[in-house]
């Protein structure tokens, strides 16, 4: 006979999703838009603009952003024995992205990285809350499609009680200006087509550990 109203639900193998805040520097937007104006990168209809090596050409605004993000990465990383990873150095690569309304962005995964990040310089919503503007980040479960292969019309319950929840193969986040999103580098993030009323600027980051000597 079952004696409890509802069983306990424990989620295994958690994947960290960190949302942090870094104040937007006006100079950061300016340096990206200036590079976009002078860029010779070929643009495809419906696709936004991206340029790698932002850590090199972005000047002081890029350096400051990377230092702030790296400080957070260091605080979130430990050795296998739980100690501070003081002997680990980090190689950071950054790409600047710009999308006008109606365009889409693609974020490239760095195979050797440990952490990846997305920093929203300007979300392009101009303060509007209309969900039809799109442009959300979709964080994809790396196990997919395995959880849906056996019986695609069923879902596992992951939370019971007054606010129940079932498994979803993606988590959807609405970008906010000044927000830094950090995830394990093996987690893929897509951006839905953006239909906002203003220009969107994103900086994607990858953090690869290495040791000297």
Protein backbone atom coordinates (compact mmCIF):
# COMPACT_ATOMS: atom_id res chain seq x y z
CA UNK A 1 0.00 0.00 0.00
CA UNK A 2 1.31 3.46 -0.94
CA UNK A 3 1.51 5.59 2.19
CA UNK A 4 2.77 8.95 0.78
CA UNK A 5 0.70 11.36 -1.27
CA UNK A 6 3.51 11.89 -3.78
CA UNK A 7 7.02 10.41 -4.13
CA UNK A 8 10.24 12.42 -3.99
CA UNK A 9 11.74 13.35 -7.36
CA UNK A 10 15.53 13.70 -7.58
CA UNK A 11 17.11 15.07 -10.76
CA UNK A 12 20.40 13.35 -11.62
CA UNK A 13 23.40 14.60 -13.60
CA UNK A 14 22.65 18.31 -13.30
CA UNK A 15 23.94 20.69 -15.98
CA UNK A 16 24.80 24.17 -14.68
CA UNK A 17 23.22 27.18 -16.34
CA UNK A 18 24.63 30.43 -15.00
CA UNK A 19 22.99 33.78 -15.62
CA UNK A 20 25.13 36.68 -14.47
CA UNK A 21 25.10 40.42 -15.04
CA UNK A 22 27.84 42.67 -16.43
CA UNK A 23 27.09 46.34 -16.97
CA UNK A 24 26.98 47.22 -20.68
CA UNK A 25 29.80 49.54 -21.76
CA UNK A 26 28.68 52.03 -24.44
CA UNK A 27 32.15 51.63 -26.00
CA UNK A 28 31.52 47.91 -26.46
CA UNK A 29 28.56 48.50 -28.74
CA UNK A 30 30.43 51.26 -30.57
CA UNK A 31 33.45 49.10 -31.39
CA UNK A 32 31.28 46.25 -32.71
CA UNK A 33 29.13 48.48 -34.91
CA UNK A 34 32.20 50.28 -36.27
CA UNK A 35 33.76 46.93 -37.21
CA UNK A 36 30.48 45.84 -38.79
CA UNK A 37 30.44 48.97 -40.98
CA UNK A 38 33.99 48.35 -42.20
CA UNK A 39 33.77 44.57 -42.39
CA UNK A 40 34.30 42.74 -45.68
CA UNK A 41 32.59 39.62 -44.34
CA UNK A 42 30.15 38.25 -46.84
CA UNK A 43 26.56 38.47 -45.65
CA UNK A 44 23.80 36.04 -46.57
CA UNK A 45 20.17 37.15 -46.75
CA UNK A 46 18.42 36.39 -43.47
CA UNK A 47 21.67 35.71 -41.63
CA UNK A 48 23.25 38.11 -39.17
CA UNK A 49 26.89 39.22 -39.18
CA UNK A 50 29.60 37.53 -37.13
CA UNK A 51 33.33 38.14 -36.84
CA UNK A 52 35.79 36.04 -34.86
CA UNK A 53 38.89 37.19 -32.94
CA UNK A 54 36.95 39.87 -31.07
CA UNK A 55 39.47 39.40 -28.26
CA UNK A 56 42.09 40.82 -30.67
CA UNK A 57 40.32 43.63 -32.50
CA UNK A 58 37.81 44.66 -29.81
CA UNK A 59 40.34 46.76 -27.88
CA UNK A 60 39.79 47.79 -24.25
CA UNK A 61 36.01 47.13 -24.25
CA UNK A 62 36.59 43.51 -25.31
CA UNK A 63 39.42 43.08 -22.78
CA UNK A 64 37.24 44.34 -19.93
CA UNK A 65 34.34 42.06 -20.87
CA UNK A 66 36.62 39.03 -21.11
CA UNK A 67 38.24 39.79 -17.75
CA UNK A 68 34.85 40.09 -16.07
CA UNK A 69 33.55 36.86 -17.63
CA UNK A 70 36.79 35.01 -16.88
CA UNK A 71 36.61 35.98 -13.22
CA UNK A 72 33.22 34.28 -13.04
CA UNK A 73 34.48 31.19 -14.91
CA UNK A 74 37.35 30.81 -12.43
CA UNK A 75 34.95 31.01 -9.49
CA UNK A 76 32.76 28.29 -11.04
CA UNK A 77 35.56 25.80 -11.78
CA UNK A 78 37.13 23.30 -9.41
CA UNK A 79 39.51 20.36 -9.73
CA UNK A 80 38.21 16.79 -9.53
CA UNK A 81 39.09 16.79 -5.81
CA UNK A 82 37.09 19.99 -5.22
CA UNK A 83 40.00 22.40 -4.94
CA UNK A 84 40.41 25.79 -6.60
CA UNK A 85 41.98 25.24 -10.05
CA UNK A 86 44.79 27.73 -9.36
CA UNK A 87 47.27 26.10 -11.76
CA UNK A 88 44.90 26.26 -14.72
CA UNK A 89 45.19 29.10 -17.23
CA UNK A 90 42.48 29.98 -19.73
CA UNK A 91 42.55 30.70 -23.44
CA UNK A 92 39.56 32.86 -24.34
CA UNK A 93 38.16 33.27 -27.83
CA UNK A 94 35.37 35.71 -28.62
CA UNK A 95 33.12 36.39 -31.61
CA UNK A 96 31.00 39.49 -32.13
CA UNK A 97 27.53 39.03 -33.62
CA UNK A 98 25.07 41.56 -34.99
CA UNK A 99 21.53 40.89 -36.21
CA UNK A 100 18.98 43.29 -37.60
CA UNK A 101 15.24 42.48 -37.39
CA UNK A 102 14.40 39.41 -39.48
CA UNK A 103 17.89 37.92 -39.20
CA UNK A 104 19.21 34.87 -37.41
CA UNK A 105 22.51 34.15 -35.66
CA UNK A 106 24.47 30.91 -35.41
CA UNK A 107 26.84 30.31 -32.50
CA UNK A 108 29.83 28.06 -33.22
CA UNK A 109 30.84 25.46 -30.63
CA UNK A 110 34.54 25.27 -29.71
CA UNK A 111 35.42 21.55 -29.41
CA UNK A 112 38.29 21.94 -26.91
CA UNK A 113 36.58 24.47 -24.64
CA UNK A 114 35.36 23.77 -21.09
CA UNK A 115 32.92 26.69 -20.69
CA UNK A 116 31.07 28.73 -23.28
CA UNK A 117 29.28 32.03 -22.84
CA UNK A 118 26.88 34.44 -24.49
CA UNK A 119 26.89 38.09 -23.48
CA UNK A 120 24.02 40.27 -24.68
CA UNK A 121 25.20 43.78 -25.48
CA UNK A 122 21.79 44.82 -26.84
CA UNK A 123 18.79 42.49 -27.05
CA UNK A 124 17.02 44.50 -29.76
CA UNK A 125 13.59 44.42 -28.11
CA UNK A 126 13.67 48.16 -27.34
CA UNK A 127 11.80 47.48 -24.10
CA UNK A 128 8.90 45.63 -25.76
CA UNK A 129 7.62 42.41 -24.18
CA UNK A 130 5.84 41.04 -27.26
CA UNK A 131 6.71 37.29 -27.49
CA UNK A 132 6.19 37.36 -31.26
CA UNK A 133 9.51 39.24 -31.53
CA UNK A 134 11.25 35.87 -31.21
CA UNK A 135 15.02 35.81 -30.88
CA UNK A 136 15.04 33.58 -27.80
CA UNK A 137 18.02 31.43 -26.89
CA UNK A 138 17.19 27.72 -27.09
CA UNK A 139 19.47 25.60 -24.88
CA UNK A 140 19.38 22.06 -26.26
CA UNK A 141 19.63 18.86 -24.22
CA UNK A 142 22.81 17.13 -25.53
CA UNK A 143 21.16 13.74 -24.95
CA UNK A 144 18.49 14.51 -27.52
CA UNK A 145 16.87 12.75 -29.30
CA UNK A 146 17.46 9.76 -27.01
CA UNK A 147 14.88 10.78 -24.32
CA UNK A 148 12.19 10.96 -27.02
CA UNK A 149 13.09 7.97 -29.18
CA UNK A 150 11.18 5.20 -27.40
CA UNK A 151 7.77 6.83 -26.98
CA UNK A 152 7.76 10.30 -28.46
CA UNK A 153 4.26 11.18 -27.27
CA UNK A 154 5.11 10.67 -23.56
CA UNK A 155 7.13 12.87 -21.18
CA UNK A 156 8.80 12.14 -17.83
CA UNK A 157 7.54 14.19 -14.91
CA UNK A 158 10.43 16.10 -13.32
CA UNK A 159 8.52 17.99 -10.62
CA UNK A 160 5.38 17.16 -8.69
CA UNK A 161 3.24 19.23 -6.36
CA UNK A 162 1.53 22.57 -6.90
CA UNK A 163 3.80 23.51 -9.83
CA UNK A 164 4.37 20.28 -11.76
CA UNK A 165 6.83 20.10 -14.62
CA UNK A 166 7.63 17.57 -17.34
CA UNK A 167 10.77 16.92 -19.35
CA UNK A 168 11.50 19.29 -22.26
CA UNK A 169 14.27 18.80 -24.81
CA UNK A 170 15.16 22.50 -24.75
CA UNK A 171 15.15 25.39 -22.31
CA UNK A 172 14.08 28.73 -23.79
CA UNK A 173 15.57 31.98 -22.49
CA UNK A 174 14.76 35.52 -23.55
CA UNK A 175 18.00 37.54 -23.88
CA UNK A 176 18.37 40.63 -21.70
CA UNK A 177 20.91 43.38 -22.27
CA UNK A 178 23.82 43.13 -19.86
CA UNK A 179 23.23 39.45 -19.05
CA UNK A 180 26.00 36.86 -19.32
CA UNK A 181 24.96 33.25 -19.93
CA UNK A 182 27.55 30.59 -19.05
CA UNK A 183 27.20 26.89 -19.88
CA UNK A 184 29.40 23.83 -20.30
CA UNK A 185 30.93 24.07 -23.77
CA UNK A 186 29.33 20.80 -24.86
CA UNK A 187 25.84 22.30 -24.56
CA UNK A 188 24.52 23.74 -27.79
CA UNK A 189 22.65 27.04 -27.86
CA UNK A 190 20.63 28.21 -30.87
CA UNK A 191 18.93 31.55 -31.43
CA UNK A 192 15.46 31.66 -32.89
CA UNK A 193 14.81 34.07 -35.73
CA UNK A 194 14.80 37.61 -34.40
CA UNK A 195 11.85 39.88 -35.24
CA UNK A 196 12.48 42.70 -32.77
CA UNK A 197 12.34 46.39 -33.59
CA UNK A 198 16.01 47.28 -33.04
CA UNK A 199 19.49 45.89 -33.64
CA UNK A 200 20.77 42.97 -31.58
CA UNK A 201 24.43 42.60 -30.54
CA UNK A 202 25.83 39.46 -28.90
CA UNK A 203 29.34 38.40 -27.95
CA UNK A 204 29.94 34.64 -27.81
CA UNK A 205 32.86 33.37 -25.72
CA UNK A 206 34.74 30.12 -25.26
CA UNK A 207 37.06 29.28 -22.37
CA UNK A 208 39.69 26.57 -22.89
CA UNK A 209 41.88 25.48 -19.95
CA UNK A 210 45.60 24.79 -20.26
CA UNK A 211 48.65 24.47 -18.02
CA UNK A 212 52.04 26.09 -18.51
CA UNK A 213 55.05 23.85 -18.83
